[in-house]
Amino acid sequence: MYGSLALKVRGDLLACMAINKSAEPGSLGVRVDFDQRDALLAEAPQTYYVTDHYVNYPMVLVRLSQIRIDELRDLLTAAWKFVTSQKKRTGRTTLKKRREPRG
């Protein structure tokens, strides 16, 4: 998100333009939990995707050219709930990585 336009809730990242070179141009990164991300990827892979750079973070990439405004509104509402619920649980939020299985 460094140098990118970003939406924040009380200082915590909600969404930002995906500027990592692995992301497609015109993509928005939106914070969601891993289960919701998995569901979005399965339901609409033409709209939602993730790259290796983002795979361990609770974030989904959105092709803005493929999403309807009502879908984006619902996604940002879900992101807001995710970010604010994390803050209530822990007192703060971070972009916590998913733990890799040991083996």
PDB file of N, CA and C in Angstrom:
ATOM      1  N   MET A   1       0.812  -1.185   0.000  1.00  0.00           N
ATOM      2  CA  MET A   1       0.000   0.000   0.000  1.00  0.00           C
ATOM      3  C   MET A   1       0.857   1.251   0.000  1.00  0.00           C
ATOM      4  N   TYR A   2       2.137   1.079   0.111  1.00  0.00           N
ATOM      5  CA  TYR A   2       3.039   2.227   0.194  1.00  0.00           C
ATOM      6  C   TYR A   2       2.981   3.043  -1.097  1.00  0.00           C
ATOM      7  N   GLY A   3       2.570   4.306  -0.974  1.00  0.00           N
ATOM      8  CA  GLY A   3       2.461   5.185  -2.127  1.00  0.00           C
ATOM      9  C   GLY A   3       1.183   4.987  -2.921  1.00  0.00           C
ATOM     10  N   SER A   4       0.292   4.147  -2.437  1.00  0.00           N
ATOM     11  CA  SER A   4      -0.965   3.848  -3.126  1.00  0.00           C
ATOM     12  C   SER A   4      -2.126   4.511  -2.398  1.00  0.00           C
ATOM     13  N   LEU A   5      -3.167   4.818  -3.159  1.00  0.00           N
ATOM     14  CA  LEU A   5      -4.389   5.290  -2.525  1.00  0.00           C
ATOM     15  C   LEU A   5      -4.936   4.179  -1.643  1.00  0.00           C
ATOM     16  N   ALA A   6      -5.373   4.542  -0.442  1.00  0.00           N
ATOM     17  CA  ALA A   6      -5.854   3.529   0.493  1.00  0.00           C
ATOM     18  C   ALA A   6      -7.043   4.057   1.277  1.00  0.00           C
ATOM     19  N   LEU A   7      -7.957   3.156   1.599  1.00  0.00           N
ATOM     20  CA  LEU A   7      -9.062   3.439   2.513  1.00  0.00           C
ATOM     21  C   LEU A   7      -8.713   2.792   3.834  1.00  0.00           C
ATOM     22  N   LYS A   8      -8.865   3.569   4.906  1.00  0.00           N
ATOM     23  CA  LYS A   8      -8.541   3.046   6.224  1.00  0.00           C
ATOM     24  C   LYS A   8      -9.701   3.297   7.174  1.00  0.00           C
ATOM     25  N   VAL A   9      -9.792   2.445   8.191  1.00  0.00           N
ATOM     26  CA  VAL A   9     -10.759   2.590   9.271  1.00  0.00           C
ATOM     27  C   VAL A   9      -9.952   2.776  10.543  1.00  0.00           C
ATOM     28  N   ARG A  10     -10.060   3.958  11.130  1.00  0.00           N
ATOM     29  CA  ARG A  10      -9.311   4.266  12.357  1.00  0.00           C
ATOM     30  C   ARG A  10      -7.831   3.898  12.238  1.00  0.00           C
ATOM     31  N   GLY A  11      -7.264   4.167  11.068  1.00  0.00           N
ATOM     32  CA  GLY A  11      -5.847   3.923  10.836  1.00  0.00           C
ATOM     33  C   GLY A  11      -5.502   2.540  10.327  1.00  0.00           C
ATOM     34  N   ASP A  12      -6.480   1.636  10.246  1.00  0.00           N
ATOM     35  CA  ASP A  12      -6.225   0.279   9.773  1.00  0.00           C
ATOM     36  C   ASP A  12      -6.688   0.116   8.331  1.00  0.00           C
ATOM     37  N   LEU A  13      -5.869  -0.553   7.537  1.00  0.00           N
ATOM     38  CA  LEU A  13      -6.149  -0.741   6.123  1.00  0.00           C
ATOM     39  C   LEU A  13      -7.452  -1.485   5.895  1.00  0.00           C
ATOM     40  N   LEU A  14      -8.286  -0.933   5.010  1.00  0.00           N
ATOM     41  CA  LEU A  14      -9.522  -1.568   4.570  1.00  0.00           C
ATOM     42  C   LEU A  14      -9.359  -2.033   3.124  1.00  0.00           C
ATOM     43  N   ALA A  15      -8.880  -1.126   2.263  1.00  0.00           N
ATOM     44  CA  ALA A  15      -8.685  -1.438   0.851  1.00  0.00           C
ATOM     45  C   ALA A  15      -7.655  -0.475   0.278  1.00  0.00           C
ATOM     46  N   CYS A  16      -6.966  -0.922  -0.771  1.00  0.00           N
ATOM     47  CA  CYS A  16      -6.002  -0.046  -1.442  1.00  0.00           C
ATOM     48  C   CYS A  16      -5.825  -0.502  -2.881  1.00  0.00           C
ATOM     49  N   MET A  17      -5.342   0.404  -3.703  1.00  0.00           N
ATOM     50  CA  MET A  17      -5.003   0.021  -5.067  1.00  0.00           C
ATOM     51  C   MET A  17      -3.830  -0.947  -4.976  1.00  0.00           C
ATOM     52  N   ALA A  18      -3.932  -2.043  -5.703  1.00  0.00           N
ATOM     53  CA  ALA A  18      -2.889  -3.072  -5.668  1.00  0.00           C
ATOM     54  C   ALA A  18      -1.757  -2.633  -6.584  1.00  0.00           C
ATOM     55  N   ILE A  19      -0.637  -2.253  -5.986  1.00  0.00           N
ATOM     56  CA  ILE A  19       0.474  -1.737  -6.787  1.00  0.00           C
ATOM     57  C   ILE A  19       1.648  -2.709  -6.896  1.00  0.00           C
ATOM     58  N   ASN A  20       1.571  -3.826  -6.202  1.00  0.00           N
ATOM     59  CA  ASN A  20       2.635  -4.810  -6.345  1.00  0.00           C
ATOM     60  C   ASN A  20       2.682  -5.268  -7.795  1.00  0.00           C
ATOM     61  N   LYS A  21       3.875  -5.512  -8.323  1.00  0.00           N
ATOM     62  CA  LYS A  21       4.017  -5.880  -9.734  1.00  0.00           C
ATOM     63  C   LYS A  21       3.294  -7.177 -10.090  1.00  0.00           C
ATOM     64  N   SER A  22       2.957  -7.984  -9.102  1.00  0.00           N
ATOM     65  CA  SER A  22       2.248  -9.233  -9.379  1.00  0.00           C
ATOM     66  C   SER A  22       0.756  -9.010  -9.652  1.00  0.00           C
ATOM     67  N   ALA A  23       0.228  -7.857  -9.245  1.00  0.00           N
ATOM     68  CA  ALA A  23      -1.201  -7.571  -9.426  1.00  0.00           C
ATOM     69  C   ALA A  23      -1.453  -6.992 -10.815  1.00  0.00           C
ATOM     70  N   GLU A  24      -2.614  -7.301 -11.346  1.00  0.00           N
ATOM     71  CA  GLU A  24      -2.999  -6.747 -12.637  1.00  0.00           C
ATOM     72  C   GLU A  24      -3.319  -5.261 -12.478  1.00  0.00           C
ATOM     73  N   PRO A  25      -3.024  -4.451 -13.501  1.00  0.00           N
ATOM     74  CA  PRO A  25      -3.397  -3.033 -13.440  1.00  0.00           C
ATOM     75  C   PRO A  25      -4.914  -2.905 -13.253  1.00  0.00           C
ATOM     76  N   GLY A  26      -5.333  -1.897 -12.506  1.00  0.00           N
ATOM     77  CA  GLY A  26      -6.759  -1.689 -12.279  1.00  0.00           C
ATOM     78  C   GLY A  26      -7.354  -2.617 -11.238  1.00  0.00           C
ATOM     79  N   SER A  27      -6.511  -3.093 -10.329  1.00  0.00           N
ATOM     80  CA  SER A  27      -6.979  -4.002  -9.272  1.00  0.00           C
ATOM     81  C   SER A  27      -6.989  -3.291  -7.930  1.00  0.00           C
ATOM     82  N   LEU A  28      -7.956  -3.675  -7.121  1.00  0.00           N
ATOM     83  CA  LEU A  28      -8.095  -3.166  -5.772  1.00  0.00           C
ATOM     84  C   LEU A  28      -7.846  -4.312  -4.807  1.00  0.00           C
ATOM     85  N   GLY A  29      -7.049  -4.077  -3.782  1.00  0.00           N
ATOM     86  CA  GLY A  29      -6.847  -5.070  -2.729  1.00  0.00           C
ATOM     87  C   GLY A  29      -7.808  -4.765  -1.591  1.00  0.00           C
ATOM     88  N   VAL A  30      -8.585  -5.754  -1.177  1.00  0.00           N
ATOM     89  CA  VAL A  30      -9.597  -5.563  -0.135  1.00  0.00           C
ATOM     90  C   VAL A  30      -9.371  -6.608   0.956  1.00  0.00           C
ATOM     91  N   ARG A  31      -9.367  -6.138   2.212  1.00  0.00           N
ATOM     92  CA  ARG A  31      -9.158  -7.059   3.330  1.00  0.00           C
ATOM     93  C   ARG A  31     -10.419  -7.847   3.631  1.00  0.00           C
ATOM     94  N   VAL A  32     -10.283  -9.135   3.636  1.00  0.00           N
ATOM     95  CA  VAL A  32     -11.363 -10.061   3.996  1.00  0.00           C
ATOM     96  C   VAL A  32     -10.715 -11.247   4.693  1.00  0.00           C
ATOM     97  N   ASP A  33     -11.505 -12.014   5.425  1.00  0.00           N
ATOM     98  CA  ASP A  33     -10.911 -13.184   6.068  1.00  0.00           C
ATOM     99  C   ASP A  33     -10.646 -14.264   5.019  1.00  0.00           C
ATOM    100  N   PHE A  34      -9.811 -15.221   5.379  1.00  0.00           N
ATOM    101  CA  PHE A  34      -9.386 -16.243   4.425  1.00  0.00           C
ATOM    102  C   PHE A  34     -10.552 -17.080   3.906  1.00  0.00           C
ATOM    103  N   ASP A  35     -11.518 -17.390   4.756  1.00  0.00           N
ATOM    104  CA  ASP A  35     -12.670 -18.187   4.311  1.00  0.00           C
ATOM    105  C   ASP A  35     -13.492 -17.436   3.280  1.00  0.00           C
ATOM    106  N   GLN A  36     -13.725 -16.147   3.526  1.00  0.00           N
ATOM    107  CA  GLN A  36     -14.492 -15.356   2.557  1.00  0.00           C
ATOM    108  C   GLN A  36     -13.716 -15.233   1.251  1.00  0.00           C
ATOM    109  N   ARG A  37     -12.407 -15.035   1.351  1.00  0.00           N
ATOM    110  CA  ARG A  37     -11.598 -14.937   0.134  1.00  0.00           C
ATOM    111  C   ARG A  37     -11.714 -16.220  -0.679  1.00  0.00           C
ATOM    112  N   ASP A  38     -11.606 -17.361  -0.023  1.00  0.00           N
ATOM    113  CA  ASP A  38     -11.709 -18.642  -0.728  1.00  0.00           C
ATOM    114  C   ASP A  38     -13.053 -18.767  -1.437  1.00  0.00           C
ATOM    115  N   ALA A  39     -14.121 -18.332  -0.769  1.00  0.00           N
ATOM    116  CA  ALA A  39     -15.456 -18.390  -1.372  1.00  0.00           C
ATOM    117  C   ALA A  39     -15.556 -17.464  -2.586  1.00  0.00           C
ATOM    118  N   LEU A  40     -15.020 -16.261  -2.475  1.00  0.00           N
ATOM    119  CA  LEU A  40     -15.050 -15.313  -3.592  1.00  0.00           C
ATOM    120  C   LEU A  40     -14.271 -15.847  -4.786  1.00  0.00           C
ATOM    121  N   LEU A  41     -13.107 -16.417  -4.533  1.00  0.00           N
ATOM    122  CA  LEU A  41     -12.286 -16.966  -5.610  1.00  0.00           C
ATOM    123  C   LEU A  41     -12.999 -18.114  -6.320  1.00  0.00           C
ATOM    124  N   ALA A  42     -13.693 -18.947  -5.568  1.00  0.00           N
ATOM    125  CA  ALA A  42     -14.419 -20.076  -6.161  1.00  0.00           C
ATOM    126  C   ALA A  42     -15.652 -19.606  -6.921  1.00  0.00           C
ATOM    127  N   GLU A  43     -16.324 -18.586  -6.391  1.00  0.00           N
ATOM    128  CA  GLU A  43     -17.579 -18.109  -6.971  1.00  0.00           C
ATOM    129  C   GLU A  43     -17.389 -17.271  -8.235  1.00  0.00           C
ATOM    130  N   ALA A  44     -16.363 -16.415  -8.244  1.00  0.00           N
ATOM    131  CA  ALA A  44     -16.211 -15.495  -9.379  1.00  0.00           C
ATOM    132  C   ALA A  44     -14.732 -15.248  -9.689  1.00  0.00           C
ATOM    133  N   PRO A  45     -14.042 -16.251 -10.231  1.00  0.00           N
ATOM    134  CA  PRO A  45     -12.612 -16.091 -10.517  1.00  0.00           C
ATOM    135  C   PRO A  45     -12.322 -15.046 -11.602  1.00  0.00           C
ATOM    136  N   GLN A  46     -13.311 -14.671 -12.377  1.00  0.00           N
ATOM    137  CA  GLN A  46     -13.113 -13.627 -13.376  1.00  0.00           C
ATOM    138  C   GLN A  46     -13.048 -12.248 -12.712  1.00  0.00           C
ATOM    139  N   THR A  47     -13.562 -12.125 -11.499  1.00  0.00           N
ATOM    140  CA  THR A  47     -13.581 -10.853 -10.768  1.00  0.00           C
ATOM    141  C   THR A  47     -12.529 -10.818  -9.666  1.00  0.00           C
ATOM    142  N   TYR A  48     -12.395 -11.912  -8.927  1.00  0.00           N
ATOM    143  CA  TYR A  48     -11.513 -11.961  -7.758  1.00  0.00           C
ATOM    144  C   TYR A  48     -10.332 -12.874  -8.036  1.00  0.00           C
ATOM    145  N   TYR A  49      -9.179 -12.497  -7.510  1.00  0.00           N
ATOM    146  CA  TYR A  49      -7.991 -13.342  -7.656  1.00  0.00           C
ATOM    147  C   TYR A  49      -7.005 -13.017  -6.538  1.00  0.00           C
ATOM    148  N   VAL A  50      -5.958 -13.793  -6.458  1.00  0.00           N
ATOM    149  CA  VAL A  50      -4.891 -13.562  -5.496  1.00  0.00           C
ATOM    150  C   VAL A  50      -3.588 -13.991  -6.170  1.00  0.00           C
ATOM    151  N   THR A  51      -2.509 -13.316  -5.861  1.00  0.00           N
ATOM    152  CA  THR A  51      -1.204 -13.698  -6.392  1.00  0.00           C
ATOM    153  C   THR A  51      -0.340 -14.202  -5.234  1.00  0.00           C
ATOM    154  N   ASP A  52       0.792 -14.762  -5.575  1.00  0.00           N
ATOM    155  CA  ASP A  52       1.693 -15.285  -4.537  1.00  0.00           C
ATOM    156  C   ASP A  52       2.049 -14.217  -3.509  1.00  0.00           C
ATOM    157  N   HIS A  53       2.182 -12.968  -3.945  1.00  0.00           N
ATOM    158  CA  HIS A  53       2.542 -11.891  -3.029  1.00  0.00           C
ATOM    159  C   HIS A  53       1.489 -11.708  -1.937  1.00  0.00           C
ATOM    160  N   TYR A  54       0.221 -11.899  -2.258  1.00  0.00           N
ATOM    161  CA  TYR A  54      -0.883 -11.636  -1.330  1.00  0.00           C
ATOM    162  C   TYR A  54      -1.443 -12.891  -0.667  1.00  0.00           C
ATOM    163  N   VAL A  55      -1.019 -14.054  -1.082  1.00  0.00           N
ATOM    164  CA  VAL A  55      -1.667 -15.299  -0.659  1.00  0.00           C
ATOM    165  C   VAL A  55      -1.668 -15.506   0.855  1.00  0.00           C
ATOM    166  N   ASN A  56      -0.662 -15.042   1.564  1.00  0.00           N
ATOM    167  CA  ASN A  56      -0.593 -15.273   3.007  1.00  0.00           C
ATOM    168  C   ASN A  56      -1.233 -14.166   3.830  1.00  0.00           C
ATOM    169  N   TYR A  57      -1.829 -13.191   3.178  1.00  0.00           N
ATOM    170  CA  TYR A  57      -2.473 -12.077   3.874  1.00  0.00           C
ATOM    171  C   TYR A  57      -3.980 -12.127   3.682  1.00  0.00           C
ATOM    172  N   PRO A  58      -4.755 -11.661   4.659  1.00  0.00           N
ATOM    173  CA  PRO A  58      -6.221 -11.676   4.539  1.00  0.00           C
ATOM    174  C   PRO A  58      -6.681 -10.572   3.581  1.00  0.00           C
ATOM    175  N   MET A  59      -6.464 -10.816   2.300  1.00  0.00           N
ATOM    176  CA  MET A  59      -6.764  -9.832   1.274  1.00  0.00           C
ATOM    177  C   MET A  59      -7.113 -10.545  -0.015  1.00  0.00           C
ATOM    178  N   VAL A  60      -8.070  -9.977  -0.737  1.00  0.00           N
ATOM    179  CA  VAL A  60      -8.422 -10.475  -2.060  1.00  0.00           C
ATOM    180  C   VAL A  60      -8.206  -9.335  -3.049  1.00  0.00           C
ATOM    181  N   LEU A  61      -7.791  -9.690  -4.255  1.00  0.00           N
ATOM    182  CA  LEU A  61      -7.629  -8.698  -5.316  1.00  0.00           C
ATOM    183  C   LEU A  61      -8.881  -8.709  -6.181  1.00  0.00           C
ATOM    184  N   VAL A  62      -9.306  -7.505  -6.572  1.00  0.00           N
ATOM    185  CA  VAL A  62     -10.551  -7.345  -7.326  1.00  0.00           C
ATOM    186  C   VAL A  62     -10.245  -6.648  -8.646  1.00  0.00           C
ATOM    187  N   ARG A  63     -10.665  -7.252  -9.737  1.00  0.00           N
ATOM    188  CA  ARG A  63     -10.559  -6.593 -11.043  1.00  0.00           C
ATOM    189  C   ARG A  63     -11.715  -5.589 -11.127  1.00  0.00           C
ATOM    190  N   LEU A  64     -11.386  -4.307 -10.980  1.00  0.00           N
ATOM    191  CA  LEU A  64     -12.432  -3.279 -10.921  1.00  0.00           C
ATOM    192  C   LEU A  64     -13.273  -3.238 -12.188  1.00  0.00           C
ATOM    193  N   SER A  65     -12.713  -3.643 -13.316  1.00  0.00           N
ATOM    194  CA  SER A  65     -13.476  -3.646 -14.575  1.00  0.00           C
ATOM    195  C   SER A  65     -14.524  -4.753 -14.606  1.00  0.00           C
ATOM    196  N   GLN A  66     -14.435  -5.705 -13.660  1.00  0.00           N
ATOM    197  CA  GLN A  66     -15.342  -6.861 -13.667  1.00  0.00           C
ATOM    198  C   GLN A  66     -16.396  -6.841 -12.561  1.00  0.00           C
ATOM    199  N   ILE A  67     -16.326  -5.894 -11.652  1.00  0.00           N
ATOM    200  CA  ILE A  67     -17.228  -5.916 -10.494  1.00  0.00           C
ATOM    201  C   ILE A  67     -18.316  -4.859 -10.642  1.00  0.00           C
ATOM    202  N   ARG A  68     -19.534  -5.232 -10.268  1.00  0.00           N
ATOM    203  CA  ARG A  68     -20.647  -4.276 -10.268  1.00  0.00           C
ATOM    204  C   ARG A  68     -20.567  -3.427  -9.007  1.00  0.00           C
ATOM    205  N   ILE A  69     -21.109  -2.235  -9.067  1.00  0.00           N
ATOM    206  CA  ILE A  69     -21.029  -1.301  -7.944  1.00  0.00           C
ATOM    207  C   ILE A  69     -21.680  -1.872  -6.688  1.00  0.00           C
ATOM    208  N   ASP A  70     -22.797  -2.588  -6.828  1.00  0.00           N
ATOM    209  CA  ASP A  70     -23.445  -3.168  -5.649  1.00  0.00           C
ATOM    210  C   ASP A  70     -22.589  -4.282  -5.037  1.00  0.00           C
ATOM    211  N   GLU A  71     -21.884  -5.034  -5.865  1.00  0.00           N
ATOM    212  CA  GLU A  71     -20.982  -6.070  -5.353  1.00  0.00           C
ATOM    213  C   GLU A  71     -19.803  -5.435  -4.617  1.00  0.00           C
ATOM    214  N   LEU A  72     -19.282  -4.344  -5.170  1.00  0.00           N
ATOM    215  CA  LEU A  72     -18.169  -3.650  -4.523  1.00  0.00           C
ATOM    216  C   LEU A  72     -18.608  -3.061  -3.192  1.00  0.00           C
ATOM    217  N   ARG A  73     -19.800  -2.493  -3.155  1.00  0.00           N
ATOM    218  CA  ARG A  73     -20.330  -1.947  -1.898  1.00  0.00           C
ATOM    219  C   ARG A  73     -20.439  -3.053  -0.847  1.00  0.00           C
ATOM    220  N   ASP A  74     -20.975  -4.211  -1.230  1.00  0.00           N
ATOM    221  CA  ASP A  74     -21.106  -5.334  -0.297  1.00  0.00           C
ATOM    222  C   ASP A  74     -19.737  -5.832   0.173  1.00  0.00           C
ATOM    223  N   LEU A  75     -18.770  -5.884  -0.748  1.00  0.00           N
ATOM    224  CA  LEU A  75     -17.430  -6.336  -0.398  1.00  0.00           C
ATOM    225  C   LEU A  75     -16.766  -5.366   0.580  1.00  0.00           C
ATOM    226  N   LEU A  76     -16.899  -4.076   0.336  1.00  0.00           N
ATOM    227  CA  LEU A  76     -16.303  -3.088   1.243  1.00  0.00           C
ATOM    228  C   LEU A  76     -16.995  -3.093   2.606  1.00  0.00           C
ATOM    229  N   THR A  77     -18.293  -3.365   2.620  1.00  0.00           N
ATOM    230  CA  THR A  77     -19.008  -3.498   3.896  1.00  0.00           C
ATOM    231  C   THR A  77     -18.476  -4.700   4.674  1.00  0.00           C
ATOM    232  N   ALA A  78     -18.272  -5.814   3.970  1.00  0.00           N
ATOM    233  CA  ALA A  78     -17.713  -7.008   4.620  1.00  0.00           C
ATOM    234  C   ALA A  78     -16.295  -6.730   5.124  1.00  0.00           C
ATOM    235  N   ALA A  79     -15.516  -5.999   4.346  1.00  0.00           N
ATOM    236  CA  ALA A  79     -14.158  -5.651   4.760  1.00  0.00           C
ATOM    237  C   ALA A  79     -14.190  -4.774   6.007  1.00  0.00           C
ATOM    238  N   TRP A  80     -15.097  -3.816   6.031  1.00  0.00           N
ATOM    239  CA  TRP A  80     -15.229  -2.941   7.201  1.00  0.00           C
ATOM    240  C   TRP A  80     -15.552  -3.772   8.445  1.00  0.00           C
ATOM    241  N   LYS A  81     -16.489  -4.707   8.316  1.00  0.00           N
ATOM    242  CA  LYS A  81     -16.849  -5.570   9.450  1.00  0.00           C
ATOM    243  C   LYS A  81     -15.657  -6.419   9.884  1.00  0.00           C
ATOM    244  N   PHE A  82     -14.910  -6.939   8.935  1.00  0.00           N
ATOM    245  CA  PHE A  82     -13.743  -7.757   9.243  1.00  0.00           C
ATOM    246  C   PHE A  82     -12.696  -6.942   9.998  1.00  0.00           C
ATOM    247  N   VAL A  83     -12.363  -5.774   9.494  1.00  0.00           N
ATOM    248  CA  VAL A  83     -11.324  -4.939  10.107  1.00  0.00           C
ATOM    249  C   VAL A  83     -11.754  -4.464  11.492  1.00  0.00           C
ATOM    250  N   THR A  84     -12.991  -4.012  11.629  1.00  0.00           N
ATOM    251  CA  THR A  84     -13.429  -3.490  12.930  1.00  0.00           C
ATOM    252  C   THR A  84     -13.635  -4.611  13.940  1.00  0.00           C
ATOM    253  N   SER A  85     -14.023  -5.809  13.500  1.00  0.00           N
ATOM    254  CA  SER A  85     -14.181  -6.919  14.445  1.00  0.00           C
ATOM    255  C   SER A  85     -12.825  -7.390  14.942  1.00  0.00           C
ATOM    256  N   GLN A  86     -11.801  -7.338  14.114  1.00  0.00           N
ATOM    257  CA  GLN A  86     -10.453  -7.701  14.552  1.00  0.00           C
ATOM    258  C   GLN A  86      -9.978  -6.743  15.628  1.00  0.00           C
ATOM    259  N   LYS A  87     -10.268  -5.483  15.439  1.00  0.00           N
ATOM    260  CA  LYS A  87      -9.832  -4.475  16.395  1.00  0.00           C
ATOM    261  C   LYS A  87     -10.523  -4.691  17.743  1.00  0.00           C
ATOM    262  N   LYS A  88     -11.812  -5.038  17.720  1.00  0.00           N
ATOM    263  CA  LYS A  88     -12.538  -5.295  18.965  1.00  0.00           C
ATOM    264  C   LYS A  88     -11.952  -6.494  19.701  1.00  0.00           C
ATOM    265  N   ARG A  89     -11.599  -7.536  18.953  1.00  0.00           N
ATOM    266  CA  ARG A  89     -11.069  -8.758  19.559  1.00  0.00           C
ATOM    267  C   ARG A  89      -9.695  -8.566  20.177  1.00  0.00           C
ATOM    268  N   THR A  90      -8.831  -7.857  19.476  1.00  0.00           N
ATOM    269  CA  THR A  90      -7.441  -7.783  19.922  1.00  0.00           C
ATOM    270  C   THR A  90      -7.032  -6.419  20.446  1.00  0.00           C
ATOM    271  N   GLY A  91      -7.865  -5.428  20.219  1.00  0.00           N
ATOM    272  CA  GLY A  91      -7.496  -4.076  20.612  1.00  0.00           C
ATOM    273  C   GLY A  91      -6.697  -3.363  19.539  1.00  0.00           C
ATOM    274  N   ARG A  92      -6.252  -4.101  18.521  1.00  0.00           N
ATOM    275  CA  ARG A  92      -5.544  -3.512  17.381  1.00  0.00           C
ATOM    276  C   ARG A  92      -5.620  -4.494  16.220  1.00  0.00           C
ATOM    277  N   THR A  93      -5.325  -4.011  15.042  1.00  0.00           N
ATOM    278  CA  THR A  93      -5.316  -4.909  13.895  1.00  0.00           C
ATOM    279  C   THR A  93      -3.971  -4.841  13.212  1.00  0.00           C
ATOM    280  N   THR A  94      -3.634  -5.919  12.559  1.00  0.00           N
ATOM    281  CA  THR A  94      -2.445  -5.960  11.711  1.00  0.00           C
ATOM    282  C   THR A  94      -2.798  -6.803  10.506  1.00  0.00           C
ATOM    283  N   LEU A  95      -1.995  -6.709   9.487  1.00  0.00           N
ATOM    284  CA  LEU A  95      -2.169  -7.589   8.341  1.00  0.00           C
ATOM    285  C   LEU A  95      -1.472  -8.898   8.678  1.00  0.00           C
ATOM    286  N   LYS A  96      -2.121  -9.689   9.497  1.00  0.00           N
ATOM    287  CA  LYS A  96      -1.531 -10.916  10.011  1.00  0.00           C
ATOM    288  C   LYS A  96      -1.450 -11.974   8.919  1.00  0.00           C
ATOM    289  N   LYS A  97      -0.269 -12.526   8.749  1.00  0.00           N
ATOM    290  CA  LYS A  97      -0.051 -13.566   7.757  1.00  0.00           C
ATOM    291  C   LYS A  97      -0.700 -14.873   8.181  1.00  0.00           C
ATOM    292  N   ARG A  98      -1.113 -15.643   7.207  1.00  0.00           N
ATOM    293  CA  ARG A  98      -1.593 -16.996   7.458  1.00  0.00           C
ATOM    294  C   ARG A  98      -0.368 -17.851   7.733  1.00  0.00           C
ATOM    295  N   ARG A  99      -0.448 -18.665   8.755  1.00  0.00           N
ATOM    296  CA  ARG A  99       0.690 -19.524   9.067  1.00  0.00           C
ATOM    297  C   ARG A  99       0.811 -20.630   8.044  1.00  0.00           C
ATOM    298  N   GLU A 100       2.041 -20.842   7.627  1.00  0.00           N
ATOM    299  CA  GLU A 100       2.331 -21.930   6.712  1.00  0.00           C
ATOM    300  C   GLU A 100       2.387 -23.236   7.496  1.00  0.00           C
ATOM    301  N   PRO A 101       1.811 -24.313   6.961  1.00  0.00           N
ATOM    302  CA  PRO A 101       1.913 -25.595   7.665  1.00  0.00           C
ATOM    303  C   PRO A 101       3.366 -26.060   7.707  1.00  0.00           C
ATOM    304  N   ARG A 102       3.740 -26.594   8.845  1.00  0.00           N
ATOM    305  CA  ARG A 102       5.100 -27.119   8.974  1.00  0.00           C
ATOM    306  C   ARG A 102       5.128 -28.552   8.490  1.00  0.00           C
ATOM    307  N   GLY A 103       6.210 -28.885   7.876  1.00  0.00           N
ATOM    308  CA  GLY A 103       6.244 -30.257   7.430  1.00  0.00           C
ATOM    309  C   GLY A 103       7.442 -30.649   6.754  1.00  0.00           C
TER     310      GLY A 103
END
